[in-house]
Amino acid sequence: MEALWILLLSILNLAKFFLLTLLVTPVHLIRLALYYFPCRPKRLGRMLSRMSTLMCSMNIVISTRYKIRGECEIEFLRDYVQKRLILATDNETRELLYPEYQQHPTTWCGFSFWEWDQNFSITRHVKQFERKISENESIDEIEQTFMESQFGGDESPWQLLLLQSDDSFTLLFKFQHVLSGGSSIFKSLVHLASDQPGNIKLYVPPRTRTSFHRKVLNVLSFPFLAPWQFVNEQKERKKCSNLIPPEHLERSNPIYFNRLLDLIPLPQIKVAATAYRVSTTSVLLAGITGGLQAFLLQKNYKLPEYASANIPIPVPTQSDRLENLL
């Protein structure tokens, strides 16, 4: 009986697929025309990718934390970030590598674009905490407050906060997910910290070769397989629907993600992957799933039979630009 319901729902979704195709195709053609339109206003930069446009509505804020060796003055840090990140240029084209650090999302003709911040100032983005941190003070609480502070509507959605204690300096970095995905943002931060930024290349996995017949088969089977796979995925996710009580799911935007634990060195991850004869990605996914399990046990929630986890990884179409890809 369950298989019959899945079949009926798949047929219904198939009909929706063809209907949505008729509605979305004109929008896609208009978007494509605006993407290559040469006479856009000068205040506009690139058009946001489809995934970045989705991130605009989700308003996800991410932060990470870095320890600084030695002394660090705020004016030096601002000048350093300005030269190494904001004004970084491509060695060949001499164009800015990361113009989005000076831009913010806006809408033009119904589509999302990057708009230049006409009043950009490094002091609005690189700041110092108002006082020294005592030994007994928790950086986690300061980081949480820092994350919850709002970005200006007309400024690029990122900030750096310098913290000073008696014997060390800590740098907090937060950004909205609309600015970039994990791989691209990490590459820009490595570019900031590296001694030889011009030699940094983001690893991009090679494209898999697919025969012409296989491509044709994928295109023809997609309208029929996609609804079936979608319904099956929803059926599996339903097992987790009562995992967390509804009162714990109520929240106000934005969504905050920050690193609360120490980083795990990559060599240790590779050792574990070699020992168990699995990929590095499998070890990372296992770590995420294990962390989720520990969180649920700590909150006394019932463990599900099925859980989903994901990690950001480069895709074959990944470039050095700040963008979100799916």
Protein backbone atom coordinates (compact mmCIF):
# COMPACT_ATOMS: atom_id res chain seq x y z
CA MET A 1 0.00 0.00 0.00
CA GLU A 2 2.88 2.35 0.85
CA ALA A 3 4.47 1.73 -2.56
CA LEU A 4 1.15 2.61 -4.24
CA TRP A 5 0.97 5.93 -2.37
CA ILE A 6 4.56 6.71 -3.36
CA LEU A 7 3.70 5.95 -6.99
CA LEU A 8 0.61 8.20 -6.91
CA LEU A 9 2.52 11.05 -5.27
CA SER A 10 5.31 10.64 -7.82
CA ILE A 11 2.81 10.95 -10.68
CA LEU A 12 1.38 14.08 -9.03
CA ASN A 13 4.86 15.60 -8.68
CA LEU A 14 5.60 14.69 -12.29
CA ALA A 15 2.60 16.76 -13.38
CA LYS A 16 3.80 19.61 -11.16
CA PHE A 17 7.25 19.33 -12.74
CA PHE A 18 5.96 19.89 -16.26
CA LEU A 19 3.73 22.75 -15.09
CA LEU A 20 6.61 24.44 -13.26
CA THR A 21 8.79 23.99 -16.33
CA LEU A 22 6.32 25.98 -18.40
CA LEU A 23 6.25 28.74 -15.77
CA VAL A 24 9.97 28.86 -14.94
CA THR A 25 11.42 28.70 -18.46
CA PRO A 26 10.49 32.31 -19.39
CA VAL A 27 11.91 33.53 -16.05
CA HIS A 28 15.13 31.64 -16.71
CA LEU A 29 15.46 33.18 -20.18
CA ILE A 30 14.92 36.69 -18.76
CA ARG A 31 17.51 36.03 -16.06
CA LEU A 32 19.98 34.81 -18.67
CA ALA A 33 19.43 37.93 -20.76
CA LEU A 34 19.99 40.24 -17.75
CA TYR A 35 23.12 38.31 -16.79
CA TYR A 36 24.78 39.22 -20.10
CA PHE A 37 23.06 42.61 -20.47
CA PRO A 38 25.92 45.13 -21.05
CA CYS A 39 24.07 48.31 -20.03
CA ARG A 40 23.43 47.68 -16.34
CA PRO A 41 23.81 50.63 -13.93
CA LYS A 42 27.43 51.24 -12.91
CA ARG A 43 26.54 50.76 -9.27
CA LEU A 44 25.83 47.07 -9.95
CA GLY A 45 28.32 44.24 -9.97
CA ARG A 46 27.75 40.61 -10.88
CA MET A 47 24.40 38.88 -10.68
CA LEU A 48 24.07 36.59 -7.69
CA SER A 49 24.11 32.87 -8.38
CA ARG A 50 20.86 30.99 -7.87
CA MET A 51 22.15 29.49 -4.61
CA SER A 52 23.30 32.90 -3.34
CA THR A 53 19.87 34.33 -4.13
CA LEU A 54 18.35 31.58 -2.00
CA MET A 55 20.79 32.44 0.80
CA CYS A 56 19.52 36.05 0.72
CA SER A 57 16.15 34.92 1.98
CA MET A 58 17.57 32.46 4.55
CA ASN A 59 19.84 35.03 6.25
CA ILE A 60 22.38 32.54 7.64
CA VAL A 61 25.30 33.98 9.63
CA ILE A 62 28.52 31.99 10.07
CA SER A 63 31.51 32.80 12.26
CA THR A 64 34.94 31.33 12.92
CA ARG A 65 37.78 32.11 15.31
CA TYR A 66 41.53 32.52 14.82
CA LYS A 67 44.46 32.90 17.21
CA ILE A 68 47.04 35.56 16.30
CA ARG A 69 50.70 35.02 17.12
CA GLY A 70 52.44 38.01 18.64
CA GLU A 71 51.22 41.58 18.92
CA CYS A 72 48.46 43.03 16.71
CA GLU A 73 47.36 46.65 16.52
CA ILE A 74 43.96 47.48 15.06
CA GLU A 75 45.36 50.02 12.56
CA PHE A 76 47.89 47.48 11.30
CA LEU A 77 45.14 44.87 10.97
CA ARG A 78 42.90 47.23 9.00
CA ASP A 79 45.72 48.17 6.64
CA TYR A 80 46.69 44.51 6.25
CA VAL A 81 43.13 43.39 5.42
CA GLN A 82 42.72 46.32 3.02
CA LYS A 83 45.82 45.38 1.04
CA ARG A 84 45.67 41.59 1.19
CA LEU A 85 41.92 41.01 0.87
CA ILE A 86 39.93 44.08 -0.21
CA LEU A 87 42.37 45.28 -2.89
CA ALA A 88 43.74 41.87 -3.89
CA THR A 89 43.90 41.57 -7.69
CA ASP A 90 44.32 38.80 -10.22
CA ASN A 91 47.89 38.55 -11.50
CA GLU A 92 46.77 38.34 -15.13
CA THR A 93 43.62 40.45 -15.49
CA ARG A 94 44.46 42.89 -12.64
CA GLU A 95 40.81 42.81 -11.62
CA LEU A 96 39.74 42.59 -7.98
CA LEU A 97 39.67 39.00 -6.74
CA TYR A 98 36.97 39.58 -4.13
CA PRO A 99 34.88 42.64 -5.06
CA GLU A 100 31.99 41.24 -2.98
CA TYR A 101 33.84 42.37 0.17
CA GLN A 102 32.90 45.91 -0.96
CA GLN A 103 29.39 45.09 -2.17
CA HIS A 104 25.99 44.16 -0.76
CA PRO A 105 23.02 42.33 -2.32
CA THR A 106 20.34 44.41 -4.02
CA THR A 107 17.50 43.89 -6.49
CA TRP A 108 17.30 45.16 -10.06
CA CYS A 109 14.54 44.21 -12.53
CA GLY A 110 13.34 41.58 -10.07
CA PHE A 111 16.70 39.75 -9.83
CA SER A 112 19.49 39.87 -7.24
CA PHE A 113 22.78 41.64 -8.01
CA TRP A 114 25.80 42.83 -6.06
CA GLU A 115 25.82 46.60 -5.54
CA TRP A 116 28.96 48.61 -4.75
CA ASP A 117 29.08 50.22 -1.32
CA GLN A 118 29.67 53.87 -2.25
CA ASN A 119 30.68 54.67 1.34
CA PHE A 120 32.88 51.64 1.94
CA SER A 121 35.23 52.03 4.90
CA ILE A 122 37.48 49.36 6.36
CA THR A 123 36.75 50.72 9.85
CA ARG A 124 33.12 49.61 9.52
CA HIS A 125 34.20 46.02 8.93
CA VAL A 126 37.39 45.56 10.97
CA LYS A 127 36.81 46.54 14.60
CA GLN A 128 38.37 46.04 18.01
CA PHE A 129 36.55 44.87 21.11
CA GLU A 130 35.94 47.73 23.52
CA ARG A 131 38.15 46.35 26.31
CA LYS A 132 40.67 43.69 27.23
CA ILE A 133 39.37 40.21 28.01
CA SER A 134 40.06 38.83 31.47
CA GLU A 135 41.34 35.30 32.04
CA ASN A 136 38.01 34.06 33.41
CA GLU A 137 35.90 35.62 30.66
CA SER A 138 34.37 33.35 28.04
CA ILE A 139 35.12 34.18 24.39
CA ASP A 140 32.10 32.06 23.40
CA GLU A 141 29.72 34.59 24.95
CA ILE A 142 31.47 37.49 23.24
CA GLU A 143 31.36 35.62 19.93
CA GLN A 144 27.64 34.92 20.31
CA THR A 145 26.93 38.61 20.98
CA PHE A 146 29.12 39.55 18.03
CA MET A 147 27.20 37.20 15.75
CA GLU A 148 23.84 38.55 16.83
CA SER A 149 24.78 42.15 16.01
CA GLN A 150 23.18 43.21 12.74
CA PHE A 151 24.93 44.15 9.49
CA GLY A 152 24.12 47.50 7.94
CA GLY A 153 21.68 47.27 5.05
CA ASP A 154 24.01 49.14 2.69
CA GLU A 155 27.30 47.41 3.60
CA SER A 156 28.92 44.13 2.65
CA PRO A 157 27.78 41.38 5.07
CA TRP A 158 31.06 40.58 6.84
CA GLN A 159 32.99 41.79 9.88
CA LEU A 160 36.24 41.11 11.73
CA LEU A 161 36.52 41.68 15.49
CA LEU A 162 39.89 41.83 17.24
CA LEU A 163 39.96 40.62 20.86
CA GLN A 164 42.89 41.30 23.18
CA SER A 165 43.71 39.48 26.40
CA ASP A 166 46.75 39.78 28.66
CA ASP A 167 48.89 37.38 26.64
CA SER A 168 47.23 36.83 23.25
CA PHE A 169 45.05 38.20 20.46
CA THR A 170 42.00 36.48 18.93
CA LEU A 171 40.28 37.34 15.65
CA LEU A 172 36.57 36.67 15.13
CA PHE A 173 35.26 36.59 11.57
CA LYS A 174 31.57 36.50 10.70
CA PHE A 175 29.75 36.69 7.39
CA GLN A 176 26.36 36.03 5.89
CA HIS A 177 26.17 32.87 3.80
CA VAL A 178 25.00 34.96 0.85
CA LEU A 179 28.57 36.30 0.58
CA SER A 180 30.05 32.91 -0.32
CA GLY A 181 30.11 29.17 0.17
CA GLY A 182 32.59 27.41 2.44
CA SER A 183 35.25 26.55 -0.15
CA SER A 184 35.48 30.04 -1.68
CA ILE A 185 35.45 31.92 1.63
CA PHE A 186 38.14 29.62 3.00
CA LYS A 187 40.29 30.30 -0.05
CA SER A 188 40.01 34.05 0.47
CA LEU A 189 40.97 33.71 4.14
CA VAL A 190 43.99 31.61 3.23
CA HIS A 191 44.85 34.33 0.74
CA LEU A 192 44.74 36.78 3.66
CA ALA A 193 47.03 34.73 5.91
CA SER A 194 49.45 33.19 3.40
CA ASP A 195 53.02 34.45 2.89
CA GLN A 196 52.67 33.87 -0.86
CA PRO A 197 49.02 34.65 -1.73
CA GLY A 198 49.65 34.65 -5.47
CA ASN A 199 50.50 30.94 -5.42
CA ILE A 200 47.27 29.81 -3.76
CA LYS A 201 45.02 27.69 -5.95
CA LEU A 202 41.68 26.32 -4.84
CA TYR A 203 41.43 22.59 -5.43
CA VAL A 204 38.69 21.83 -7.92
CA PRO A 205 37.74 18.19 -8.52
CA PRO A 206 38.00 17.12 -12.16
CA ARG A 207 34.87 16.73 -14.20
CA THR A 208 33.69 13.16 -14.56
CA ARG A 209 33.50 11.96 -18.12
CA THR A 210 30.05 10.84 -19.18
CA SER A 211 29.27 9.22 -22.49
CA PHE A 212 26.82 10.89 -24.87
CA HIS A 213 24.34 8.05 -24.51
CA ARG A 214 24.47 8.34 -20.73
CA LYS A 215 23.82 12.09 -20.90
CA VAL A 216 20.77 11.54 -23.12
CA LEU A 217 19.48 8.86 -20.76
CA ASN A 218 19.94 11.16 -17.73
CA VAL A 219 18.04 14.00 -19.42
CA LEU A 220 15.16 11.75 -20.50
CA SER A 221 14.87 9.94 -17.17
CA PHE A 222 15.19 13.01 -14.90
CA PRO A 223 11.51 14.15 -15.16
CA PHE A 224 10.40 10.66 -14.09
CA LEU A 225 13.09 9.76 -11.53
CA ALA A 226 13.16 13.15 -9.76
CA PRO A 227 9.54 13.01 -8.45
CA TRP A 228 10.03 9.42 -7.28
CA GLN A 229 13.30 10.25 -5.48
CA PHE A 230 11.78 13.40 -3.99
CA VAL A 231 8.83 11.52 -2.46
CA ASN A 232 11.14 8.82 -1.07
CA GLU A 233 13.37 11.46 0.50
CA GLN A 234 10.37 13.14 2.12
CA LYS A 235 9.24 9.77 3.45
CA GLU A 236 12.64 9.22 5.09
CA ARG A 237 12.72 12.72 6.52
CA LYS A 238 9.30 12.17 8.08
CA LYS A 239 10.96 9.76 10.47
CA CYS A 240 12.78 12.76 11.98
CA SER A 241 9.75 15.06 12.05
CA ASN A 242 9.04 14.44 15.76
CA LEU A 243 12.69 14.34 16.76
CA ILE A 244 12.75 17.77 18.47
CA PRO A 245 9.68 19.23 20.21
CA PRO A 246 8.04 22.07 18.22
CA GLU A 247 8.67 24.62 20.97
CA HIS A 248 12.42 24.13 20.47
CA LEU A 249 12.12 24.75 16.74
CA GLU A 250 10.68 28.23 17.15
CA ARG A 251 13.38 30.82 16.46
CA SER A 252 13.80 34.25 14.96
CA ASN A 253 16.07 35.01 12.01
CA PRO A 254 18.92 35.02 11.38
CA ILE A 255 20.28 31.50 11.82
CA TYR A 256 23.68 31.45 13.53
CA PHE A 257 26.47 28.92 13.07
CA ASN A 258 29.75 29.20 14.93
CA ARG A 259 32.62 26.92 15.77
CA LEU A 260 32.41 25.90 19.42
CA LEU A 261 35.12 23.22 19.45
CA ASP A 262 38.79 23.12 18.54
CA LEU A 263 39.70 22.35 14.94
CA ILE A 264 40.75 18.80 14.05
CA PRO A 265 44.02 18.70 12.05
CA LEU A 266 43.58 17.37 8.52
CA PRO A 267 46.38 14.74 8.92
CA GLN A 268 44.37 13.11 11.73
CA ILE A 269 41.32 12.93 9.48
CA LYS A 270 43.39 11.33 6.71
CA VAL A 271 44.82 8.78 9.18
CA ALA A 272 41.30 7.77 10.19
CA ALA A 273 40.23 7.54 6.52
CA THR A 274 43.21 5.31 5.71
CA ALA A 275 42.66 3.10 8.75
CA TYR A 276 39.01 2.44 7.87
CA ARG A 277 39.63 2.41 4.09
CA VAL A 278 37.10 5.16 3.42
CA SER A 279 37.27 8.62 1.87
CA THR A 280 38.13 11.76 3.80
CA THR A 281 34.62 13.03 3.09
CA SER A 282 33.18 9.94 4.81
CA VAL A 283 35.17 10.69 7.96
CA LEU A 284 33.93 14.30 7.96
CA LEU A 285 30.31 13.21 7.52
CA ALA A 286 30.74 10.66 10.31
CA GLY A 287 32.09 13.42 12.54
CA ILE A 288 29.12 15.66 11.80
CA THR A 289 26.69 12.82 12.47
CA GLY A 290 28.51 11.93 15.69
CA GLY A 291 28.37 15.54 16.83
CA LEU A 292 24.63 15.64 16.12
CA GLN A 293 24.15 12.44 18.12
CA ALA A 294 26.09 13.86 21.08
CA PHE A 295 23.98 17.03 20.94
CA LEU A 296 20.72 15.07 20.95
CA LEU A 297 21.85 12.89 23.86
CA GLN A 298 22.88 15.98 25.81
CA LYS A 299 19.41 17.48 25.27
CA ASN A 300 17.71 14.15 26.14
CA TYR A 301 16.13 13.89 22.68
CA LYS A 302 15.24 10.57 21.14
CA LEU A 303 17.81 9.40 18.61
CA PRO A 304 16.39 8.90 15.09
CA GLU A 305 16.96 5.88 12.87
CA TYR A 306 17.80 8.18 9.96
CA ALA A 307 19.69 11.48 9.81
CA SER A 308 21.05 13.75 7.08
CA ALA A 309 24.40 15.54 7.19
CA ASN A 310 26.33 17.64 4.69
CA ILE A 311 29.66 19.43 4.29
CA PRO A 312 30.78 22.17 1.87
CA ILE A 313 33.08 20.83 -0.84
CA PRO A 314 34.32 22.31 -4.13
CA VAL A 315 32.40 21.34 -7.26
CA PRO A 316 33.78 20.95 -10.80
CA THR A 317 32.38 24.38 -11.76
CA GLN A 318 33.97 26.08 -8.71
CA SER A 319 35.92 29.26 -9.45
CA ASP A 320 38.08 31.52 -7.30
CA ARG A 321 35.18 33.96 -6.91
CA LEU A 322 33.10 34.37 -3.77
CA GLU A 323 29.85 32.61 -4.60
CA ASN A 324 27.51 29.84 -3.54
CA LEU A 325 27.16 26.84 -5.82
CA LEU A 326 25.02 23.74 -5.57
